[in-house]
Protein backbone atom coordinates (compact mmCIF):
# COMPACT_ATOMS: atom_id res chain seq x y z
CA GLN A 1 7.91 -6.97 -9.61
CA ILE A 2 5.37 -5.04 -7.59
CA ASN A 3 6.03 -1.50 -6.50
CA ILE A 4 4.91 -0.76 -2.96
CA VAL A 5 4.54 2.85 -1.80
CA THR A 6 4.43 3.48 1.91
CA GLU A 7 3.67 6.75 3.61
CA SER A 8 4.08 8.26 7.04
CA ALA A 9 1.62 6.80 9.50
CA ASP A 10 0.86 10.29 10.86
CA ILE A 11 -1.26 12.22 8.36
CA PHE A 12 -0.70 15.43 10.30
CA SER A 13 3.08 15.17 10.15
CA SER A 14 5.48 15.18 7.21
CA SER A 15 8.11 13.23 9.14
CA PRO A 16 8.29 9.68 7.74
CA VAL A 17 9.41 6.68 9.75
CA PRO A 18 11.06 4.44 7.13
CA ASN A 19 11.42 0.75 7.86
CA PRO A 20 11.66 -1.06 4.52
CA GLN A 21 12.68 -4.38 6.09
CA ARG A 22 9.55 -4.39 8.23
CA GLU A 23 7.48 -3.71 5.12
CA VAL A 24 9.11 -6.68 3.35
CA ASN A 25 8.52 -8.94 6.34
CA THR A 26 4.90 -7.83 6.55
CA ALA A 27 4.39 -8.52 2.84
CA ILE A 28 5.91 -11.99 3.23
CA PHE A 29 3.67 -12.74 6.21
CA ILE A 30 0.58 -11.72 4.22
CA VAL A 31 1.51 -13.80 1.16
CA MET A 32 2.17 -16.82 3.37
CA SER A 33 -1.11 -16.37 5.25
CA GLU A 34 -3.85 -18.93 4.81
CA THR A 35 -6.16 -16.28 3.38
CA VAL A 36 -3.87 -15.38 0.47
CA GLN A 37 -2.74 -18.96 -0.14
CA ASP A 38 -6.32 -20.26 -0.28
CA ALA A 39 -7.44 -17.42 -2.55
CA ALA A 40 -4.54 -18.04 -4.94
CA LEU A 41 -5.29 -21.76 -5.14
CA GLU A 42 -8.99 -21.06 -5.64
CA GLU A 43 -8.09 -18.88 -8.62
CA LEU A 44 -6.34 -21.89 -10.19
CA GLY A 45 -9.50 -23.99 -9.98
CA ASP A 46 -9.09 -27.73 -10.46
CA ASP A 47 -5.40 -27.23 -11.32
CA ALA A 48 -4.70 -26.26 -7.70
CA ASP A 49 -4.14 -29.92 -6.85
CA GLY A 50 -0.97 -29.80 -8.94
CA VAL A 51 0.60 -27.04 -6.84
CA GLU A 52 3.02 -28.34 -4.24
CA SER A 53 3.84 -25.03 -2.56
CA ILE A 54 3.82 -21.25 -2.86
CA GLU A 55 6.55 -19.53 -0.88
CA ALA A 56 7.60 -15.93 -0.27
CA SER A 57 11.01 -14.76 0.87
CA ALA A 58 13.17 -11.65 1.02
CA ALA A 59 15.95 -11.27 -1.50
CA GLU A 60 19.24 -10.87 0.32
CA GLU A 61 20.28 -7.28 1.06
CA THR A 62 17.36 -5.82 -0.89
CA ASP A 63 13.85 -4.49 -0.28
CA ILE A 64 12.45 -7.15 -2.61
CA MET A 65 10.10 -10.00 -1.84
CA GLU A 66 10.24 -13.03 -4.10
CA ILE A 67 7.28 -15.35 -4.59
CA ALA A 68 8.10 -18.86 -5.78
CA ALA A 69 5.79 -21.73 -6.68
CA VAL A 70 6.50 -25.45 -7.10
CA ALA A 71 4.02 -27.32 -9.29
CA ASP A 72 3.53 -30.25 -11.65
CA SER A 73 4.34 -28.13 -14.69
CA ALA A 74 6.14 -24.94 -15.61
CA GLU A 75 2.91 -23.30 -16.71
CA LEU A 76 1.16 -24.12 -13.44
CA ALA A 77 4.11 -22.88 -11.38
CA GLN A 78 3.98 -19.62 -13.28
CA ARG A 79 0.23 -19.28 -12.77
CA ALA A 80 0.47 -20.09 -9.08
CA ALA A 81 3.18 -17.50 -8.41
CA ASN A 82 1.24 -14.85 -10.32
CA ALA A 83 -2.02 -15.80 -8.59
CA ALA A 84 -0.44 -15.33 -5.18
CA GLY A 85 1.03 -12.00 -6.19
CA ASP A 86 -2.21 -10.83 -7.75
CA THR A 87 -4.18 -11.80 -4.65
CA TYR A 88 -1.74 -9.91 -2.44
CA VAL A 89 -1.85 -6.83 -4.66
CA GLN A 90 -5.64 -6.72 -4.74
CA ALA A 91 -5.90 -7.07 -0.96
CA GLN A 92 -3.36 -4.32 -0.34
CA GLN A 93 -4.99 -2.02 -2.89
CA ALA A 94 -8.32 -2.36 -1.10
CA LEU A 95 -6.63 -1.51 2.20
CA ASP A 96 -4.89 1.48 0.62
CA VAL A 97 -8.17 2.88 -0.67
CA GLN A 98 -9.87 2.37 2.69
CA SER A 99 -6.96 4.02 4.51
CA ARG A 100 -7.08 7.08 2.25
CA ARG A 101 -10.84 7.44 2.81
CA ILE A 102 -10.36 7.30 6.57
CA GLN A 103 -7.52 9.82 6.48
CA ALA A 104 -9.57 12.21 4.33
CA ASN A 105 -12.46 12.08 6.80
CA GLN A 106 -10.09 12.67 9.72
CA LEU A 107 -8.62 15.73 8.03
CA ARG A 108 -12.05 17.19 7.34
CA SER A 109 -13.03 16.60 10.95
CA VAL A 110 -9.97 18.54 12.15
CA ALA A 111 -10.69 21.30 9.63
CA ARG A 112 -14.23 21.69 10.97
CA GLN A 113 -12.89 22.15 14.48
CA PHE A 114 -11.17 25.33 13.32
CA ASN A 115 -14.59 26.91 12.76
CA ASP A 116 -15.16 27.45 16.49
CA ASP A 117 -11.87 29.32 16.91
CA ILE A 118 -12.53 31.42 13.82
CA ASP A 119 -16.02 32.30 15.09
CA VAL A 120 -14.58 33.44 18.43
CA ILE A 121 -12.10 35.68 16.64
CA ASP A 122 -14.83 37.09 14.39
CA ARG A 123 -16.93 38.05 17.42
CA SER A 124 -13.94 39.74 19.03
CA LEU A 125 -13.25 41.67 15.83
CA PHE A 126 -16.89 42.74 15.67
CA ARG A 127 -16.77 44.12 19.21
CA GLY A 128 -13.68 46.14 18.35
CA GLY A 129 -10.86 47.25 20.60
CA PRO A 130 -7.30 48.56 20.42
CA ASP A 131 -5.78 48.45 16.96
CA VAL A 132 -2.82 46.37 18.15
CA ARG A 133 -5.14 43.68 19.52
CA LEU A 134 -7.35 43.70 16.43
CA ASP A 135 -4.33 43.37 14.15
CA ALA A 136 -3.11 40.38 16.15
CA LEU A 137 -6.54 38.76 15.92
CA ARG A 138 -6.62 39.28 12.15
CA VAL A 139 -3.22 37.60 11.82
CA GLN A 140 -4.36 34.69 13.98
CA ARG A 141 -7.55 34.33 11.97
CA GLY A 142 -5.61 34.33 8.71
CA ARG A 143 -3.37 31.52 9.95
CA LEU A 144 -6.35 29.45 11.05
CA VAL A 145 -8.11 29.92 7.72
CA ALA A 146 -4.93 28.95 5.84
CA GLN A 147 -4.44 25.83 7.95
CA GLN A 148 -8.08 24.88 7.48
CA ALA A 149 -7.77 25.29 3.72
CA ASP A 150 -4.61 23.15 3.64
CA LEU A 151 -6.38 20.35 5.54
CA ARG A 152 -9.31 20.41 3.14
CA ILE A 153 -7.03 20.40 0.11
CA ARG A 154 -5.13 17.40 1.44
CA ALA A 155 -8.43 15.64 2.19
CA ASN A 156 -9.54 16.20 -1.41
CA GLU A 157 -6.21 14.88 -2.68
CA LEU A 158 -6.65 11.72 -0.61
CA ASP A 159 -10.12 11.25 -2.08
CA ILE A 160 -8.73 11.59 -5.59
CA GLU A 161 -5.91 9.14 -4.82
CA ALA A 162 -8.48 6.68 -3.50
CA ASP A 163 -10.63 7.09 -6.62
CA LEU A 164 -7.63 6.55 -8.88
CA ASN A 165 -5.99 4.01 -6.58
CA ALA A 166 -2.90 6.17 -6.99
CA GLY A 167 0.31 4.99 -5.42
CA SER A 168 -1.02 1.50 -4.81
CA LEU A 169 0.60 -1.77 -5.81
CA GLN A 170 0.93 -2.93 -9.36
CA PHE A 171 2.78 -5.64 -11.24
CA VAL A 172 6.00 -4.54 -12.88
CA VAL A 173 7.48 -7.94 -13.75
CA PRO A 174 5.14 -10.94 -13.32
CA ALA A 175 6.42 -14.48 -13.06
CA GLU A 176 7.98 -15.85 -16.23
CA LEU A 177 7.73 -19.35 -17.58
CA PRO A 178 10.58 -21.66 -16.41
CA GLU A 179 12.54 -23.22 -19.23
CA SER A 180 13.47 -26.51 -17.56
CA PRO A 181 12.50 -28.68 -14.57
CA PHE A 182 13.96 -27.73 -11.20
CA GLU A 183 13.80 -31.19 -9.64
CA PRO A 184 13.02 -33.85 -12.25
CA THR A 185 11.72 -37.15 -10.85
CA PRO A 186 10.56 -40.38 -12.51
CA LEU A 187 6.98 -39.48 -11.70
CA GLN A 188 6.83 -35.78 -12.40
CA ASP A 189 8.80 -32.65 -13.20
CA ALA A 190 8.62 -30.17 -10.35
CA PHE A 191 9.24 -26.66 -11.51
CA LEU A 192 10.43 -24.10 -9.04
CA ALA A 193 9.18 -20.80 -10.37
CA ALA A 194 11.67 -18.75 -8.41
CA GLY A 195 14.69 -20.90 -9.23
CA LEU A 196 14.13 -20.81 -12.97
CA GLY A 197 13.29 -17.22 -13.67
CA ALA A 198 9.65 -17.31 -12.67
CA PHE A 199 10.30 -14.69 -10.06
CA LEU A 200 7.61 -12.44 -8.78
CA GLY A 201 9.61 -9.62 -7.23
CA VAL A 202 8.06 -7.12 -4.88
CA THR A 203 10.05 -3.93 -4.65
CA LEU A 204 9.35 -1.68 -1.69
CA VAL A 205 9.81 1.95 -2.60
CA LEU A 206 9.37 4.42 0.23
CA ALA A 207 7.64 7.60 -0.87
CA TYR A 208 6.86 10.34 1.58
CA ASP A 209 4.54 13.30 1.32
């Protein structure tokens, strides 16, 4: 199994838009893409010729994607399923890191924009005026400074998450070795990794900040 953590698309809002089925469908599309399939087969080297197919599907009524491989042997089916899963995980991890870097830079950019408003307030405070107006300006300035600090803290957290690859995908239960042929033929034993316990499950867990 692979845990997938998804977050709200809007980094300035805490309101998530959950759609686990869409996440499963997207994961399936990526695994079935030519890029992932070719990379998985390349990882198998010369043994790739013995792989008949690598498929991904959604487990019924769950947020789980299953990767199944059919190959000349049980061991090769296991390796193929794991190779596809590993390729998918690595690609998504790279995207997660890149996304966090971009979000951190966006937050810092917004935080810098607060400087102009704070400077305007500081100049008004320096010039003086009625106490009621000055008190209101001080309150407004305090709110801006607090918001700016929050943005910078969140940006730093995103940088740390990117450095640690926190919250990204990881294997929980890799494909296991099938115990018997799925479709025995006179010429070869075709092992279906998914059908015989060589499941590579991908569990989508929605986590919101």
